[in-house]
């Protein structure tokens, strides 16, 4: 279920400034302290309490509907495995991703031999 607090947030996409404090001020985990452009359509955020990934609507379409977060936010510990497997994420460990998905999403049909690789362009900046 999507928290109504996040349904009115602006959509993160390639047409907005990548490191705008006005846009990136809040996440489901609190005030954003750092933003990292992981790859097109994928942004990683760090807060004082936690962090996670935000997918643009286009990137979020890669996540199976049964486990897709409509708001595009995926926490970094468990839900990030969905992103790593289906977007896919660069440098993800396929064995670890498969283990997390098997444990926390046992009904999800996952091909364990599929690789979790993609081109990467990383840029990290602290939000001022």
C-alpha atoms as a PDB file:
ATOM      1  CA  UNK A   1       0.000   0.000   0.000  1.00  0.00           C
ATOM      2  CA  UNK A   2       1.346   3.411  -0.946  1.00  0.00           C
ATOM      3  CA  UNK A   3       1.644   5.975   1.832  1.00  0.00           C
ATOM      4  CA  UNK A   4      -0.565   8.924   0.776  1.00  0.00           C
ATOM      5  CA  UNK A   5       2.142  11.279   2.030  1.00  0.00           C
ATOM      6  CA  UNK A   6       4.270  10.337  -1.009  1.00  0.00           C
ATOM      7  CA  UNK A   7       1.645  10.326  -3.756  1.00  0.00           C
ATOM      8  CA  UNK A   8       1.861  14.100  -4.327  1.00  0.00           C
ATOM      9  CA  UNK A   9       5.670  14.171  -4.645  1.00  0.00           C
ATOM     10  CA  UNK A  10       7.130  15.362  -7.933  1.00  0.00           C
ATOM     11  CA  UNK A  11       8.300  12.551 -10.165  1.00  0.00           C
ATOM     12  CA  UNK A  12      12.061  12.059 -10.429  1.00  0.00           C
ATOM     13  CA  UNK A  13      13.024  11.964 -14.079  1.00  0.00           C
ATOM     14  CA  UNK A  14      15.732  12.961 -16.498  1.00  0.00           C
ATOM     15  CA  UNK A  15      14.121  16.382 -17.133  1.00  0.00           C
ATOM     16  CA  UNK A  16      14.735  17.844 -13.678  1.00  0.00           C
ATOM     17  CA  UNK A  17      17.987  18.946 -12.050  1.00  0.00           C
ATOM     18  CA  UNK A  18      19.668  15.820 -10.670  1.00  0.00           C
ATOM     19  CA  UNK A  19      20.723  17.389  -7.364  1.00  0.00           C
ATOM     20  CA  UNK A  20      17.934  19.803  -6.510  1.00  0.00           C
ATOM     21  CA  UNK A  21      17.419  20.150  -2.724  1.00  0.00           C
ATOM     22  CA  UNK A  22      13.907  21.428  -3.457  1.00  0.00           C
ATOM     23  CA  UNK A  23      13.053  18.177  -5.227  1.00  0.00           C
ATOM     24  CA  UNK A  24      15.093  15.830  -3.065  1.00  0.00           C
ATOM     25  CA  UNK A  25      14.272  17.334   0.317  1.00  0.00           C
ATOM     26  CA  UNK A  26      12.312  14.381   1.727  1.00  0.00           C
ATOM     27  CA  UNK A  27      12.107  10.640   1.240  1.00  0.00           C
ATOM     28  CA  UNK A  28       9.997   7.998   2.976  1.00  0.00           C
ATOM     29  CA  UNK A  29      12.918   7.662   5.443  1.00  0.00           C
ATOM     30  CA  UNK A  30      13.350  11.332   6.254  1.00  0.00           C
ATOM     31  CA  UNK A  31      15.344  14.320   5.037  1.00  0.00           C
ATOM     32  CA  UNK A  32      17.737  13.449   2.248  1.00  0.00           C
ATOM     33  CA  UNK A  33      21.404  14.092   3.051  1.00  0.00           C
ATOM     34  CA  UNK A  34      23.019  12.641  -0.090  1.00  0.00           C
ATOM     35  CA  UNK A  35      21.847  11.838  -3.592  1.00  0.00           C
ATOM     36  CA  UNK A  36      23.577   9.475  -6.009  1.00  0.00           C
ATOM     37  CA  UNK A  37      22.641   9.098  -9.671  1.00  0.00           C
ATOM     38  CA  UNK A  38      23.211   5.358 -10.045  1.00  0.00           C
ATOM     39  CA  UNK A  39      22.156   5.014 -13.676  1.00  0.00           C
ATOM     40  CA  UNK A  40      19.494   6.570 -15.896  1.00  0.00           C
ATOM     41  CA  UNK A  41      16.182   6.305 -14.074  1.00  0.00           C
ATOM     42  CA  UNK A  42      17.694   5.250 -10.737  1.00  0.00           C
ATOM     43  CA  UNK A  43      18.610   7.526  -7.833  1.00  0.00           C
ATOM     44  CA  UNK A  44      19.995   6.403  -4.460  1.00  0.00           C
ATOM     45  CA  UNK A  45      19.313   8.589  -1.419  1.00  0.00           C
ATOM     46  CA  UNK A  46      20.829   8.593   2.066  1.00  0.00           C
ATOM     47  CA  UNK A  47      19.062  10.012   5.113  1.00  0.00           C
ATOM     48  CA  UNK A  48      20.013  10.204   8.769  1.00  0.00           C
ATOM     49  CA  UNK A  49      17.996   7.067   9.500  1.00  0.00           C
ATOM     50  CA  UNK A  50      18.023   4.919   6.390  1.00  0.00           C
ATOM     51  CA  UNK A  51      17.994   5.214   2.631  1.00  0.00           C
ATOM     52  CA  UNK A  52      17.028   3.581  -0.582  1.00  0.00           C
ATOM     53  CA  UNK A  53      16.381   3.898  -4.262  1.00  0.00           C
ATOM     54  CA  UNK A  54      13.907   5.904  -6.265  1.00  0.00           C
ATOM     55  CA  UNK A  55      13.004   4.739  -9.752  1.00  0.00           C
ATOM     56  CA  UNK A  56      11.513   6.913 -12.453  1.00  0.00           C
ATOM     57  CA  UNK A  57       8.154   5.672 -13.757  1.00  0.00           C
ATOM     58  CA  UNK A  58       9.903   4.181 -16.807  1.00  0.00           C
ATOM     59  CA  UNK A  59      12.469   2.289 -14.681  1.00  0.00           C
ATOM     60  CA  UNK A  60       9.751   1.223 -12.231  1.00  0.00           C
ATOM     61  CA  UNK A  61       7.892  -0.511 -15.082  1.00  0.00           C
ATOM     62  CA  UNK A  62      10.646  -3.166 -15.043  1.00  0.00           C
ATOM     63  CA  UNK A  63       9.529  -4.315 -11.578  1.00  0.00           C
ATOM     64  CA  UNK A  64       6.823  -7.020 -11.668  1.00  0.00           C
ATOM     65  CA  UNK A  65       3.393  -5.572 -10.881  1.00  0.00           C
ATOM     66  CA  UNK A  66       2.886  -7.950  -7.946  1.00  0.00           C
ATOM     67  CA  UNK A  67       5.809  -6.399  -6.044  1.00  0.00           C
ATOM     68  CA  UNK A  68       6.068  -2.951  -7.666  1.00  0.00           C
ATOM     69  CA  UNK A  69       6.003   0.089  -5.376  1.00  0.00           C
ATOM     70  CA  UNK A  70       3.833   2.539  -7.279  1.00  0.00           C
ATOM     71  CA  UNK A  71       5.622   5.512  -5.704  1.00  0.00           C
ATOM     72  CA  UNK A  72       8.982   4.220  -7.025  1.00  0.00           C
ATOM     73  CA  UNK A  73      10.685   4.129  -3.587  1.00  0.00           C
ATOM     74  CA  UNK A  74      12.560   0.935  -2.562  1.00  0.00           C
ATOM     75  CA  UNK A  75      14.382   0.700   0.774  1.00  0.00           C
ATOM     76  CA  UNK A  76      18.011  -0.321   0.561  1.00  0.00           C
ATOM     77  CA  UNK A  77      18.019  -3.543   2.594  1.00  0.00           C
ATOM     78  CA  UNK A  78      15.382  -5.839   1.099  1.00  0.00           C
ATOM     79  CA  UNK A  79      13.315  -4.079  -1.558  1.00  0.00           C
ATOM     80  CA  UNK A  80      16.489  -2.955  -3.347  1.00  0.00           C
ATOM     81  CA  UNK A  81      16.934  -6.577  -4.453  1.00  0.00           C
ATOM     82  CA  UNK A  82      13.865  -6.113  -6.656  1.00  0.00           C
ATOM     83  CA  UNK A  83      15.575  -3.179  -8.345  1.00  0.00           C
ATOM     84  CA  UNK A  84      18.901  -5.002  -8.604  1.00  0.00           C
ATOM     85  CA  UNK A  85      17.279  -7.949 -10.319  1.00  0.00           C
ATOM     86  CA  UNK A  86      14.749  -6.324 -12.623  1.00  0.00           C
ATOM     87  CA  UNK A  87      16.130  -2.867 -13.552  1.00  0.00           C
ATOM     88  CA  UNK A  88      19.008  -4.291 -13.337  1.00  0.00           C
ATOM     89  CA  UNK A  89      21.646  -2.704 -11.074  1.00  0.00           C
ATOM     90  CA  UNK A  90      25.338  -2.475 -11.894  1.00  0.00           C
ATOM     91  CA  UNK A  91      27.714  -4.411  -9.691  1.00  0.00           C
ATOM     92  CA  UNK A  92      24.909  -6.343  -7.977  1.00  0.00           C
ATOM     93  CA  UNK A  93      25.868  -9.794  -6.706  1.00  0.00           C
ATOM     94  CA  UNK A  94      23.411 -12.137  -8.485  1.00  0.00           C
ATOM     95  CA  UNK A  95      23.742 -14.828  -5.797  1.00  0.00           C
ATOM     96  CA  UNK A  96      22.947 -12.382  -2.995  1.00  0.00           C
ATOM     97  CA  UNK A  97      20.064 -10.827  -4.929  1.00  0.00           C
ATOM     98  CA  UNK A  98      18.609 -14.289  -5.590  1.00  0.00           C
ATOM     99  CA  UNK A  99      18.962 -15.198  -1.894  1.00  0.00           C
ATOM    100  CA  UNK A 100      17.122 -12.036  -0.759  1.00  0.00           C
ATOM    101  CA  UNK A 101      14.363 -12.491  -3.327  1.00  0.00           C
ATOM    102  CA  UNK A 102      13.923 -16.154  -2.404  1.00  0.00           C
ATOM    103  CA  UNK A 103      13.662 -15.322   1.295  1.00  0.00           C
ATOM    104  CA  UNK A 104      11.462 -12.213   1.193  1.00  0.00           C
ATOM    105  CA  UNK A 105       9.554 -12.733  -2.074  1.00  0.00           C
ATOM    106  CA  UNK A 106       9.127 -16.533  -2.248  1.00  0.00           C
ATOM    107  CA  UNK A 107       6.195 -16.363  -4.682  1.00  0.00           C
ATOM    108  CA  UNK A 108       8.143 -14.283  -7.198  1.00  0.00           C
ATOM    109  CA  UNK A 109       9.254 -16.239 -10.251  1.00  0.00           C
ATOM    110  CA  UNK A 110      12.941 -15.372 -10.637  1.00  0.00           C
ATOM    111  CA  UNK A 111      15.480 -16.854 -13.004  1.00  0.00           C
ATOM    112  CA  UNK A 112      18.494 -17.311 -10.675  1.00  0.00           C
ATOM    113  CA  UNK A 113      20.932 -17.579 -13.584  1.00  0.00           C
ATOM    114  CA  UNK A 114      20.062 -14.115 -14.939  1.00  0.00           C
ATOM    115  CA  UNK A 115      22.793 -11.551 -14.481  1.00  0.00           C
ATOM    116  CA  UNK A 116      22.314  -8.284 -12.594  1.00  0.00           C
ATOM    117  CA  UNK A 117      24.495  -6.076 -14.732  1.00  0.00           C
ATOM    118  CA  UNK A 118      24.002  -2.802 -16.563  1.00  0.00           C
ATOM    119  CA  UNK A 119      26.065   0.212 -17.585  1.00  0.00           C
ATOM    120  CA  UNK A 120      26.895   2.461 -14.666  1.00  0.00           C
ATOM    121  CA  UNK A 121      27.352   6.190 -14.268  1.00  0.00           C
ATOM    122  CA  UNK A 122      27.706   7.194 -10.619  1.00  0.00           C
ATOM    123  CA  UNK A 123      27.743  10.718  -9.261  1.00  0.00           C
ATOM    124  CA  UNK A 124      27.369  11.502  -5.562  1.00  0.00           C
ATOM    125  CA  UNK A 125      26.849  14.903  -3.988  1.00  0.00           C
ATOM    126  CA  UNK A 126      25.813  16.000  -0.527  1.00  0.00           C
ATOM    127  CA  UNK A 127      22.619  18.036  -0.496  1.00  0.00           C
ATOM    128  CA  UNK A 128      23.419  21.532   0.770  1.00  0.00           C
END
